[in-house]
C-alpha cells in the first residue's frame, strides 16, 4: 500500500483494515503468513471476508491481512465475479 493512506484504502470497502505487524508497534509474537484467494459474485469486500472466514475454520490466531491482488471476470460489460488474493498473518502458539 505504498503511497496510499489508510483512509484511501478503507474508503469504498467498508473494511476495518488491519496492517501487518511491521507497520505497528513491535511485539514479541512470531507470525506465520499464508496466501489465500477468495472469490465472490458480490464484491471484492465479500471475497476478502469469505477467504478470512474460511481460513479461520482451520487457522487459529489470525491477526492481520494484506490485499495483494484484485481481479475479476467481465461479461457483457458488467463485472460478474471478483477474485482477491490476500496474505494473512497469524501468531504461532507457544
N, C-alpha and C. Protein backbone atom coordinates (compact mmCIF):
# COMPACT_ATOMS: atom_id res chain seq x y z
N UNK A 1 0.82 -1.18 0.00
CA UNK A 1 0.00 0.00 0.00
C UNK A 1 0.87 1.25 0.00
N UNK A 2 1.94 1.17 -0.70
CA UNK A 2 2.85 2.30 -0.77
C UNK A 2 2.14 3.47 -1.44
N UNK A 3 2.20 4.65 -0.82
CA UNK A 3 1.61 5.84 -1.40
C UNK A 3 0.11 5.97 -1.19
N UNK A 4 -0.48 5.07 -0.42
CA UNK A 4 -1.92 5.14 -0.16
C UNK A 4 -2.15 5.18 1.34
N UNK A 5 -3.00 6.07 1.78
CA UNK A 5 -3.29 6.19 3.20
C UNK A 5 -4.32 5.15 3.62
N UNK A 6 -4.43 4.93 4.93
CA UNK A 6 -5.46 4.02 5.44
C UNK A 6 -6.85 4.44 4.98
N UNK A 7 -7.12 5.76 5.05
CA UNK A 7 -8.43 6.27 4.66
C UNK A 7 -8.71 5.98 3.19
N UNK A 8 -7.70 6.15 2.34
CA UNK A 8 -7.88 5.90 0.91
C UNK A 8 -8.15 4.44 0.64
N UNK A 9 -7.47 3.55 1.36
CA UNK A 9 -7.67 2.12 1.17
C UNK A 9 -9.00 1.70 1.76
N UNK A 10 -9.35 2.23 2.92
CA UNK A 10 -10.57 1.84 3.61
C UNK A 10 -11.80 2.36 2.89
N UNK A 11 -11.71 3.54 2.28
CA UNK A 11 -12.86 4.11 1.58
C UNK A 11 -13.27 3.19 0.45
N UNK A 12 -14.53 2.90 0.38
CA UNK A 12 -15.02 2.08 -0.70
C UNK A 12 -15.10 0.60 -0.37
N UNK A 13 -14.45 0.15 0.71
CA UNK A 13 -14.53 -1.27 1.05
C UNK A 13 -15.38 -1.51 2.27
N UNK A 14 -15.44 -0.55 3.19
CA UNK A 14 -16.18 -0.75 4.42
C UNK A 14 -15.44 -1.65 5.41
N UNK A 15 -14.23 -2.07 5.07
CA UNK A 15 -13.47 -2.95 5.95
C UNK A 15 -12.73 -2.17 7.02
N UNK A 16 -12.67 -2.73 8.19
CA UNK A 16 -11.78 -2.20 9.21
C UNK A 16 -10.44 -2.85 8.92
N UNK A 17 -9.50 -2.06 8.43
CA UNK A 17 -8.24 -2.62 7.98
C UNK A 17 -7.33 -2.98 9.14
N UNK A 18 -6.58 -4.03 8.94
CA UNK A 18 -5.56 -4.44 9.89
C UNK A 18 -4.26 -4.56 9.11
N UNK A 19 -3.21 -3.93 9.60
CA UNK A 19 -1.97 -3.90 8.88
C UNK A 19 -0.97 -4.89 9.47
N UNK A 20 -0.03 -5.38 8.65
CA UNK A 20 0.98 -6.31 9.14
C UNK A 20 1.74 -5.74 10.33
N UNK A 21 2.28 -6.62 11.15
CA UNK A 21 2.95 -6.17 12.39
C UNK A 21 4.10 -5.21 12.15
N UNK A 22 4.76 -5.25 11.01
CA UNK A 22 5.88 -4.34 10.79
C UNK A 22 5.45 -2.89 10.65
N UNK A 23 4.14 -2.64 10.47
CA UNK A 23 3.66 -1.26 10.38
C UNK A 23 3.10 -0.77 11.71
N UNK A 24 3.14 -1.61 12.73
CA UNK A 24 2.63 -1.26 14.05
C UNK A 24 3.75 -1.37 15.07
N UNK A 25 3.44 -1.07 16.32
CA UNK A 25 4.43 -1.23 17.38
C UNK A 25 4.87 -2.69 17.43
N UNK A 26 6.15 -2.90 17.62
CA UNK A 26 6.68 -4.27 17.63
C UNK A 26 6.21 -5.02 18.86
N UNK A 27 5.88 -6.28 18.67
CA UNK A 27 5.51 -7.15 19.77
C UNK A 27 6.49 -8.31 19.80
N UNK A 28 6.32 -9.18 20.75
CA UNK A 28 7.22 -10.32 20.85
C UNK A 28 6.62 -11.57 20.23
N UNK A 29 5.60 -11.39 19.38
CA UNK A 29 5.00 -12.53 18.71
C UNK A 29 5.84 -12.97 17.52
N UNK A 30 5.69 -14.22 17.17
CA UNK A 30 6.23 -14.73 15.91
C UNK A 30 5.02 -14.99 15.02
N UNK A 31 5.06 -14.45 13.81
CA UNK A 31 3.95 -14.58 12.88
C UNK A 31 4.32 -15.51 11.73
N UNK A 32 3.35 -16.24 11.27
CA UNK A 32 3.47 -17.02 10.04
C UNK A 32 2.45 -16.43 9.09
N UNK A 33 2.73 -16.46 7.79
CA UNK A 33 1.77 -15.91 6.84
C UNK A 33 1.41 -16.95 5.78
N UNK A 34 0.21 -16.82 5.28
CA UNK A 34 -0.32 -17.66 4.21
C UNK A 34 -0.94 -16.78 3.15
N UNK A 35 -0.91 -17.25 1.92
CA UNK A 35 -1.56 -16.52 0.83
C UNK A 35 -2.85 -17.26 0.48
N UNK A 36 -3.93 -16.50 0.36
CA UNK A 36 -5.25 -17.05 0.06
C UNK A 36 -5.88 -16.26 -1.08
N UNK A 37 -6.78 -16.90 -1.82
CA UNK A 37 -7.58 -16.19 -2.82
C UNK A 37 -9.04 -16.47 -2.54
N UNK A 38 -9.79 -15.40 -2.28
CA UNK A 38 -11.22 -15.51 -2.06
C UNK A 38 -11.95 -15.06 -3.32
N UNK A 39 -13.16 -15.56 -3.51
CA UNK A 39 -13.93 -15.15 -4.68
C UNK A 39 -15.37 -14.86 -4.28
N UNK A 40 -16.01 -14.00 -5.08
CA UNK A 40 -17.38 -13.60 -4.81
C UNK A 40 -18.03 -13.05 -6.07
N UNK A 41 -19.32 -13.27 -6.20
CA UNK A 41 -20.07 -12.63 -7.28
C UNK A 41 -20.57 -11.26 -6.84
N UNK A 42 -20.42 -10.93 -5.55
CA UNK A 42 -20.96 -9.70 -4.99
C UNK A 42 -19.97 -8.54 -5.03
N UNK A 43 -18.77 -8.72 -4.41
CA UNK A 43 -17.82 -7.61 -4.29
C UNK A 43 -16.44 -8.11 -3.88
N UNK A 44 -15.45 -7.23 -4.00
CA UNK A 44 -14.11 -7.60 -3.53
C UNK A 44 -14.10 -7.69 -2.01
N UNK A 45 -14.87 -6.85 -1.34
CA UNK A 45 -15.02 -6.90 0.11
C UNK A 45 -15.52 -8.29 0.55
N UNK A 46 -16.52 -8.78 -0.13
CA UNK A 46 -17.08 -10.10 0.18
C UNK A 46 -16.07 -11.20 -0.09
N UNK A 47 -15.28 -11.08 -1.14
CA UNK A 47 -14.25 -12.08 -1.45
C UNK A 47 -13.20 -12.14 -0.33
N UNK A 48 -12.80 -10.98 0.19
CA UNK A 48 -11.84 -10.92 1.30
C UNK A 48 -12.43 -11.58 2.54
N UNK A 49 -13.65 -11.20 2.87
CA UNK A 49 -14.30 -11.75 4.07
C UNK A 49 -14.48 -13.26 3.97
N UNK A 50 -14.85 -13.76 2.80
CA UNK A 50 -15.02 -15.21 2.62
C UNK A 50 -13.70 -15.95 2.82
N UNK A 51 -12.61 -15.40 2.27
CA UNK A 51 -11.30 -16.04 2.42
C UNK A 51 -10.89 -16.11 3.89
N UNK A 52 -11.06 -15.01 4.62
CA UNK A 52 -10.67 -14.97 6.04
C UNK A 52 -11.57 -15.88 6.87
N UNK A 53 -12.87 -15.82 6.64
CA UNK A 53 -13.79 -16.67 7.40
C UNK A 53 -13.51 -18.15 7.16
N UNK A 54 -13.25 -18.52 5.92
CA UNK A 54 -12.95 -19.93 5.61
C UNK A 54 -11.64 -20.36 6.27
N UNK A 55 -10.62 -19.52 6.17
CA UNK A 55 -9.32 -19.85 6.77
C UNK A 55 -9.42 -19.96 8.29
N UNK A 56 -10.26 -19.12 8.91
CA UNK A 56 -10.36 -19.14 10.37
C UNK A 56 -10.96 -20.44 10.89
N UNK A 57 -11.52 -21.25 10.02
CA UNK A 57 -12.02 -22.56 10.43
C UNK A 57 -10.90 -23.54 10.74
N UNK A 58 -9.73 -23.34 10.15
CA UNK A 58 -8.61 -24.25 10.39
C UNK A 58 -7.34 -23.55 10.87
N UNK A 59 -7.27 -22.24 10.72
CA UNK A 59 -6.10 -21.47 11.15
C UNK A 59 -6.50 -20.62 12.35
N UNK A 60 -5.81 -20.83 13.47
CA UNK A 60 -6.11 -20.05 14.67
C UNK A 60 -5.24 -18.79 14.73
N UNK A 61 -5.70 -17.84 15.50
CA UNK A 61 -4.92 -16.63 15.83
C UNK A 61 -4.61 -15.74 14.63
N UNK A 62 -5.53 -15.64 13.67
CA UNK A 62 -5.33 -14.72 12.55
C UNK A 62 -5.38 -13.29 13.09
N UNK A 63 -4.35 -12.50 12.77
CA UNK A 63 -4.23 -11.15 13.33
C UNK A 63 -4.29 -10.04 12.29
N UNK A 64 -3.93 -10.31 11.04
CA UNK A 64 -3.90 -9.25 10.04
C UNK A 64 -4.06 -9.83 8.64
N UNK A 65 -4.38 -8.95 7.72
CA UNK A 65 -4.39 -9.34 6.31
C UNK A 65 -3.88 -8.19 5.46
N UNK A 66 -3.41 -8.53 4.27
CA UNK A 66 -2.90 -7.56 3.32
C UNK A 66 -3.41 -7.97 1.94
N UNK A 67 -4.03 -7.05 1.23
CA UNK A 67 -4.51 -7.33 -0.13
C UNK A 67 -3.33 -7.29 -1.08
N UNK A 68 -3.11 -8.38 -1.82
CA UNK A 68 -2.01 -8.46 -2.76
C UNK A 68 -2.45 -8.19 -4.20
N UNK A 69 -3.65 -8.68 -4.54
CA UNK A 69 -4.10 -8.56 -5.93
C UNK A 69 -5.62 -8.63 -5.98
N UNK A 70 -6.20 -7.83 -6.85
CA UNK A 70 -7.64 -7.86 -7.09
C UNK A 70 -7.85 -8.03 -8.59
N UNK A 71 -8.70 -8.95 -8.95
CA UNK A 71 -9.02 -9.15 -10.36
C UNK A 71 -10.46 -9.62 -10.47
N UNK A 72 -10.97 -9.64 -11.67
CA UNK A 72 -12.36 -10.06 -11.84
C UNK A 72 -12.64 -10.54 -13.24
N UNK A 73 -13.85 -11.00 -13.43
CA UNK A 73 -14.32 -11.53 -14.70
C UNK A 73 -15.45 -10.63 -15.19
N UNK A 74 -15.40 -10.25 -16.46
CA UNK A 74 -16.39 -9.35 -17.05
C UNK A 74 -17.17 -10.09 -18.13
N UNK A 75 -18.49 -9.94 -18.10
CA UNK A 75 -19.36 -10.49 -19.14
C UNK A 75 -20.35 -9.41 -19.56
N UNK A 76 -20.49 -9.22 -20.84
CA UNK A 76 -21.43 -8.23 -21.39
C UNK A 76 -21.25 -6.85 -20.75
N UNK A 77 -20.00 -6.48 -20.52
CA UNK A 77 -19.70 -5.16 -19.98
C UNK A 77 -19.97 -4.98 -18.50
N UNK A 78 -20.24 -6.07 -17.79
CA UNK A 78 -20.53 -6.00 -16.35
C UNK A 78 -19.60 -6.95 -15.58
N UNK A 79 -19.23 -6.51 -14.38
CA UNK A 79 -18.42 -7.37 -13.51
C UNK A 79 -19.29 -8.52 -13.04
N UNK A 80 -18.85 -9.74 -13.32
CA UNK A 80 -19.61 -10.93 -12.94
C UNK A 80 -19.01 -11.65 -11.74
N UNK A 81 -17.71 -11.46 -11.53
CA UNK A 81 -17.05 -12.24 -10.48
C UNK A 81 -15.80 -11.50 -10.02
N UNK A 82 -15.54 -11.49 -8.71
CA UNK A 82 -14.34 -10.90 -8.11
C UNK A 82 -13.45 -11.99 -7.56
N UNK A 83 -12.13 -11.81 -7.70
CA UNK A 83 -11.14 -12.66 -7.02
C UNK A 83 -10.14 -11.73 -6.35
N UNK A 84 -9.88 -11.97 -5.07
CA UNK A 84 -8.94 -11.15 -4.32
C UNK A 84 -7.93 -12.07 -3.64
N UNK A 85 -6.65 -11.83 -3.93
CA UNK A 85 -5.58 -12.59 -3.27
C UNK A 85 -5.08 -11.77 -2.10
N UNK A 86 -5.05 -12.40 -0.93
CA UNK A 86 -4.60 -11.73 0.29
C UNK A 86 -3.52 -12.56 0.96
N UNK A 87 -2.75 -11.89 1.79
CA UNK A 87 -1.83 -12.57 2.69
C UNK A 87 -2.40 -12.38 4.08
N UNK A 88 -2.53 -13.47 4.84
CA UNK A 88 -2.96 -13.36 6.23
C UNK A 88 -1.79 -13.70 7.14
N UNK A 89 -1.76 -13.07 8.31
CA UNK A 89 -0.74 -13.36 9.30
C UNK A 89 -1.39 -13.86 10.56
N UNK A 90 -0.77 -14.86 11.16
CA UNK A 90 -1.30 -15.39 12.41
C UNK A 90 -0.14 -15.69 13.35
N UNK A 91 -0.44 -15.62 14.65
CA UNK A 91 0.61 -15.88 15.64
C UNK A 91 0.73 -17.38 15.87
N UNK A 92 1.96 -17.80 16.07
CA UNK A 92 2.21 -19.20 16.38
C UNK A 92 1.92 -19.44 17.85
N UNK A 93 1.38 -20.61 18.13
CA UNK A 93 1.09 -20.95 19.52
C UNK A 93 2.38 -21.26 20.26
N UNK A 94 2.37 -20.91 21.51
CA UNK A 94 3.58 -21.11 22.32
C UNK A 94 3.66 -22.49 22.88
